[in-house]
Amino acid sequence: VVVSVEVVLVSVVLVCVMVVLVVDVLVIVVLVVVIVVVLVLVVVLVTVVVLVVVLVTVVVLVEVVVLVMVLVEVVVLVEVVVEVTVVVDVDVVVVVLVAVV
C-alpha cells in the first residue's frame, strides 16, 4: 500500500509538473505571437505614416511648382500688358502731337 501511494504521489507530481510546463510553453508562445503581431502592426503603421508624409510633401511640392508657374505666367502677362499699354500710349501721344501740329 505504501509503495502504491508513493507511486500515485510521484505520478501526480509528474502530471502537475507536465501541466505547468505545458502552460508555461503556451504562455510563452502566446507572448511571442503577441509581440510579433505588435511589431508587425508598428512596422505597418510606420510605413503608412512615411507614405502619407511622402505623398503630402509631393503634393505640396507640386502645388508650389504650379503656383510658381502661374505666378510667372501672370508676371509675363502683366509685362506684356504694360508693354502694350506703353506702346499704345506712345502711339496715341504721337498721333495727338501730329494732330496738334
N, C-alpha and C. Protein backbone atom coordinates (compact mmCIF):
# COMPACT_ATOMS: atom_id res chain seq x y z
N VAL A 1 0.85 -1.20 0.00
CA VAL A 1 0.00 0.00 0.00
C VAL A 1 0.88 1.24 0.00
N VAL A 2 1.96 1.25 0.76
CA VAL A 2 2.85 2.42 0.83
C VAL A 2 3.49 2.67 -0.52
N VAL A 3 3.90 1.62 -1.18
CA VAL A 3 4.53 1.77 -2.49
C VAL A 3 3.54 2.35 -3.48
N SER A 4 2.34 1.88 -3.46
CA SER A 4 1.35 2.38 -4.39
C SER A 4 1.03 3.86 -4.11
N VAL A 5 0.99 4.24 -2.85
CA VAL A 5 0.74 5.65 -2.52
C VAL A 5 1.90 6.50 -3.02
N GLU A 6 3.14 6.02 -2.85
CA GLU A 6 4.29 6.78 -3.36
C GLU A 6 4.22 6.89 -4.88
N VAL A 7 3.88 5.80 -5.53
CA VAL A 7 3.78 5.83 -7.00
C VAL A 7 2.69 6.82 -7.43
N VAL A 8 1.59 6.81 -6.74
CA VAL A 8 0.49 7.73 -7.08
C VAL A 8 0.95 9.18 -6.85
N LEU A 9 1.63 9.40 -5.71
CA LEU A 9 2.11 10.77 -5.44
C LEU A 9 3.10 11.23 -6.50
N VAL A 10 4.03 10.33 -6.84
CA VAL A 10 5.03 10.69 -7.86
C VAL A 10 4.34 10.95 -9.19
N SER A 11 3.38 10.12 -9.51
CA SER A 11 2.68 10.33 -10.79
C SER A 11 1.89 11.64 -10.77
N VAL A 12 1.26 11.96 -9.65
CA VAL A 12 0.51 13.23 -9.54
C VAL A 12 1.46 14.40 -9.67
N VAL A 13 2.60 14.32 -9.00
CA VAL A 13 3.58 15.40 -9.09
C VAL A 13 4.08 15.55 -10.52
N LEU A 14 4.35 14.40 -11.17
CA LEU A 14 4.80 14.46 -12.57
C LEU A 14 3.74 15.08 -13.47
N VAL A 15 2.50 14.72 -13.26
CA VAL A 15 1.41 15.29 -14.07
C VAL A 15 1.31 16.79 -13.81
N CYS A 16 1.44 17.18 -12.56
CA CYS A 16 1.38 18.62 -12.24
C CYS A 16 2.53 19.36 -12.91
N VAL A 17 3.72 18.77 -12.86
CA VAL A 17 4.88 19.42 -13.50
C VAL A 17 4.67 19.52 -15.00
N MET A 18 4.14 18.45 -15.61
CA MET A 18 3.88 18.50 -17.05
C MET A 18 2.85 19.58 -17.40
N VAL A 19 1.80 19.67 -16.58
CA VAL A 19 0.76 20.69 -16.83
C VAL A 19 1.37 22.09 -16.71
N VAL A 20 2.19 22.29 -15.70
CA VAL A 20 2.82 23.60 -15.53
C VAL A 20 3.73 23.91 -16.71
N LEU A 21 4.49 22.91 -17.14
CA LEU A 21 5.39 23.11 -18.29
C LEU A 21 4.59 23.45 -19.55
N VAL A 22 3.51 22.72 -19.79
CA VAL A 22 2.68 22.98 -20.98
C VAL A 22 2.07 24.38 -20.91
N VAL A 23 1.60 24.75 -19.74
CA VAL A 23 1.02 26.09 -19.58
C VAL A 23 2.10 27.15 -19.80
N ASP A 24 3.29 26.92 -19.27
CA ASP A 24 4.39 27.87 -19.49
C ASP A 24 4.72 28.00 -20.97
N VAL A 25 4.80 26.88 -21.64
CA VAL A 25 5.10 26.92 -23.08
C VAL A 25 4.00 27.66 -23.84
N LEU A 26 2.76 27.38 -23.47
CA LEU A 26 1.64 28.08 -24.14
C LEU A 26 1.70 29.58 -23.88
N VAL A 27 1.99 29.96 -22.64
CA VAL A 27 2.09 31.39 -22.32
C VAL A 27 3.22 32.03 -23.11
N ILE A 28 4.35 31.33 -23.20
CA ILE A 28 5.49 31.88 -23.95
C ILE A 28 5.12 32.02 -25.43
N VAL A 29 4.44 31.01 -25.98
CA VAL A 29 4.04 31.08 -27.39
C VAL A 29 3.07 32.23 -27.62
N VAL A 30 2.12 32.39 -26.72
CA VAL A 30 1.15 33.49 -26.86
C VAL A 30 1.86 34.83 -26.76
N LEU A 31 2.80 34.95 -25.83
CA LEU A 31 3.54 36.20 -25.70
C LEU A 31 4.35 36.50 -26.97
N VAL A 32 4.99 35.47 -27.50
CA VAL A 32 5.78 35.67 -28.72
C VAL A 32 4.87 36.09 -29.87
N VAL A 33 3.72 35.43 -29.99
CA VAL A 33 2.79 35.79 -31.07
C VAL A 33 2.30 37.22 -30.90
N VAL A 34 1.98 37.60 -29.67
CA VAL A 34 1.51 38.97 -29.43
C VAL A 34 2.61 39.98 -29.76
N ILE A 35 3.84 39.67 -29.36
CA ILE A 35 4.95 40.59 -29.65
C ILE A 35 5.17 40.72 -31.15
N VAL A 36 5.10 39.59 -31.86
CA VAL A 36 5.29 39.64 -33.32
C VAL A 36 4.17 40.43 -33.98
N VAL A 37 2.94 40.21 -33.52
CA VAL A 37 1.81 40.95 -34.11
C VAL A 37 1.95 42.45 -33.85
N VAL A 38 2.35 42.80 -32.64
CA VAL A 38 2.53 44.23 -32.31
C VAL A 38 3.65 44.83 -33.16
N LEU A 39 4.74 44.08 -33.32
CA LEU A 39 5.84 44.60 -34.15
C LEU A 39 5.40 44.78 -35.60
N VAL A 40 4.65 43.82 -36.12
CA VAL A 40 4.18 43.94 -37.50
C VAL A 40 3.25 45.13 -37.64
N LEU A 41 2.38 45.32 -36.65
CA LEU A 41 1.47 46.48 -36.70
C LEU A 41 2.25 47.79 -36.64
N VAL A 42 3.27 47.83 -35.79
CA VAL A 42 4.07 49.05 -35.69
C VAL A 42 4.79 49.32 -37.01
N VAL A 43 5.33 48.27 -37.61
CA VAL A 43 6.02 48.45 -38.90
C VAL A 43 5.04 48.93 -39.96
N VAL A 44 3.85 48.33 -39.99
CA VAL A 44 2.85 48.75 -40.97
C VAL A 44 2.44 50.20 -40.73
N LEU A 45 2.24 50.55 -39.47
CA LEU A 45 1.85 51.94 -39.17
C LEU A 45 2.95 52.92 -39.56
N VAL A 46 4.19 52.54 -39.28
CA VAL A 46 5.29 53.44 -39.62
C VAL A 46 5.39 53.60 -41.14
N THR A 47 5.25 52.49 -41.86
CA THR A 47 5.31 52.61 -43.33
C THR A 47 4.15 53.44 -43.86
N VAL A 48 2.98 53.28 -43.28
CA VAL A 48 1.82 54.07 -43.72
C VAL A 48 2.06 55.55 -43.43
N VAL A 49 2.59 55.85 -42.25
CA VAL A 49 2.86 57.25 -41.90
C VAL A 49 3.91 57.83 -42.84
N VAL A 50 4.95 57.05 -43.12
CA VAL A 50 6.00 57.54 -44.03
C VAL A 50 5.43 57.76 -45.42
N LEU A 51 4.60 56.83 -45.88
CA LEU A 51 3.99 57.01 -47.21
C LEU A 51 3.10 58.25 -47.25
N VAL A 52 2.33 58.46 -46.19
CA VAL A 52 1.45 59.63 -46.16
C VAL A 52 2.28 60.91 -46.15
N VAL A 53 3.35 60.91 -45.37
CA VAL A 53 4.20 62.11 -45.33
C VAL A 53 4.83 62.37 -46.70
N VAL A 54 5.31 61.30 -47.34
CA VAL A 54 5.92 61.46 -48.66
C VAL A 54 4.88 61.97 -49.66
N LEU A 55 3.69 61.39 -49.62
CA LEU A 55 2.64 61.83 -50.55
C LEU A 55 2.26 63.29 -50.30
N VAL A 56 2.14 63.66 -49.05
CA VAL A 56 1.78 65.05 -48.73
C VAL A 56 2.87 66.01 -49.20
N THR A 57 4.14 65.64 -48.97
CA THR A 57 5.21 66.52 -49.42
C THR A 57 5.24 66.62 -50.94
N VAL A 58 4.99 65.50 -51.62
CA VAL A 58 4.97 65.54 -53.09
C VAL A 58 3.83 66.43 -53.58
N VAL A 59 2.66 66.27 -52.95
CA VAL A 59 1.51 67.10 -53.36
C VAL A 59 1.80 68.58 -53.10
N VAL A 60 2.40 68.87 -51.95
CA VAL A 60 2.71 70.27 -51.63
C VAL A 60 3.74 70.82 -52.61
N LEU A 61 4.75 70.00 -52.92
CA LEU A 61 5.75 70.46 -53.89
C LEU A 61 5.12 70.72 -55.25
N VAL A 62 4.25 69.81 -55.69
CA VAL A 62 3.58 70.01 -56.98
C VAL A 62 2.73 71.27 -56.95
N GLU A 63 2.03 71.49 -55.85
CA GLU A 63 1.22 72.72 -55.74
C GLU A 63 2.10 73.96 -55.78
N VAL A 64 3.24 73.91 -55.09
CA VAL A 64 4.15 75.07 -55.10
C VAL A 64 4.67 75.32 -56.50
N VAL A 65 5.05 74.24 -57.19
CA VAL A 65 5.55 74.41 -58.57
C VAL A 65 4.47 74.99 -59.46
N VAL A 66 3.24 74.49 -59.32
CA VAL A 66 2.14 75.02 -60.14
C VAL A 66 1.89 76.49 -59.81
N LEU A 67 1.94 76.82 -58.50
CA LEU A 67 1.74 78.22 -58.12
C LEU A 67 2.83 79.12 -58.69
N VAL A 68 4.08 78.64 -58.63
CA VAL A 68 5.18 79.44 -59.18
C VAL A 68 5.00 79.62 -60.68
N MET A 69 4.60 78.53 -61.36
CA MET A 69 4.38 78.66 -62.81
C MET A 69 3.27 79.65 -63.12
N VAL A 70 2.18 79.59 -62.34
CA VAL A 70 1.07 80.53 -62.55
C VAL A 70 1.53 81.96 -62.28
N LEU A 71 2.32 82.14 -61.21
CA LEU A 71 2.81 83.49 -60.91
C LEU A 71 3.72 84.01 -62.03
N VAL A 72 4.58 83.12 -62.55
CA VAL A 72 5.44 83.53 -63.66
C VAL A 72 4.61 83.92 -64.87
N GLU A 73 3.58 83.11 -65.16
CA GLU A 73 2.70 83.45 -66.28
C GLU A 73 2.01 84.80 -66.05
N VAL A 74 1.55 85.04 -64.83
CA VAL A 74 0.88 86.31 -64.52
C VAL A 74 1.85 87.47 -64.69
N VAL A 75 3.09 87.28 -64.21
CA VAL A 75 4.08 88.36 -64.35
C VAL A 75 4.37 88.62 -65.82
N VAL A 76 4.51 87.54 -66.60
CA VAL A 76 4.75 87.73 -68.05
C VAL A 76 3.58 88.43 -68.69
N LEU A 77 2.36 88.04 -68.33
CA LEU A 77 1.18 88.70 -68.90
C LEU A 77 1.12 90.17 -68.50
N VAL A 78 1.44 90.44 -67.23
CA VAL A 78 1.43 91.84 -66.79
C VAL A 78 2.48 92.64 -67.55
N GLU A 79 3.67 92.04 -67.74
CA GLU A 79 4.70 92.75 -68.52
C GLU A 79 4.22 93.01 -69.94
N VAL A 80 3.60 92.01 -70.56
CA VAL A 80 3.10 92.20 -71.93
C VAL A 80 2.03 93.28 -71.96
N VAL A 81 1.13 93.25 -71.00
CA VAL A 81 0.06 94.27 -70.95
C VAL A 81 0.67 95.64 -70.75
N VAL A 82 1.66 95.75 -69.85
CA VAL A 82 2.30 97.05 -69.62
C VAL A 82 2.99 97.52 -70.89
N GLU A 83 3.72 96.60 -71.58
CA GLU A 83 4.39 96.99 -72.82
C GLU A 83 3.36 97.45 -73.86
N VAL A 84 2.26 96.72 -73.99
CA VAL A 84 1.23 97.09 -74.97
C VAL A 84 0.64 98.44 -74.62
N THR A 85 0.35 98.67 -73.35
CA THR A 85 -0.25 99.97 -72.98
C THR A 85 0.75 101.08 -73.21
N VAL A 86 2.04 100.82 -72.92
CA VAL A 86 3.05 101.88 -73.17
C VAL A 86 3.13 102.17 -74.66
N VAL A 87 3.14 101.12 -75.48
CA VAL A 87 3.20 101.34 -76.94
C VAL A 87 1.96 102.08 -77.41
N VAL A 88 0.78 101.68 -76.91
CA VAL A 88 -0.46 102.37 -77.29
C VAL A 88 -0.40 103.81 -76.83
N ASP A 89 0.07 104.05 -75.61
CA ASP A 89 0.15 105.42 -75.12
C ASP A 89 1.09 106.25 -75.99
N VAL A 90 2.23 105.68 -76.34
CA VAL A 90 3.18 106.43 -77.19
C VAL A 90 2.56 106.71 -78.54
N ASP A 91 1.89 105.70 -79.12
CA ASP A 91 1.24 105.92 -80.41
C ASP A 91 0.17 107.00 -80.30
N VAL A 92 -0.62 106.94 -79.22
CA VAL A 92 -1.67 107.96 -79.04
C VAL A 92 -1.04 109.33 -78.88
N VAL A 93 0.05 109.40 -78.09
CA VAL A 93 0.72 110.69 -77.89
C VAL A 93 1.28 111.20 -79.22
N VAL A 94 1.88 110.28 -80.02
CA VAL A 94 2.40 110.71 -81.32
C VAL A 94 1.28 111.18 -82.22
N VAL A 95 0.15 110.43 -82.22
CA VAL A 95 -1.00 110.84 -83.06
C VAL A 95 -1.52 112.17 -82.58
N VAL A 96 -1.63 112.34 -81.27
CA VAL A 96 -2.15 113.62 -80.77
C VAL A 96 -1.19 114.75 -81.11
N LEU A 97 0.13 114.51 -80.95
CA LEU A 97 1.11 115.56 -81.29
C LEU A 97 1.02 115.90 -82.79
N VAL A 98 0.90 114.88 -83.61
CA VAL A 98 0.79 115.13 -85.06
C VAL A 98 -0.49 115.90 -85.35
N ALA A 99 -1.56 115.57 -84.68
CA ALA A 99 -2.82 116.27 -84.89
C ALA A 99 -2.71 117.72 -84.44
N VAL A 100 -2.00 117.91 -83.31
CA VAL A 100 -1.83 119.29 -82.81
C VAL A 100 -0.97 120.09 -83.78
N VAL A 101 0.08 119.47 -84.25
CA VAL A 101 0.99 120.18 -85.17
C VAL A 101 0.26 120.38 -86.48
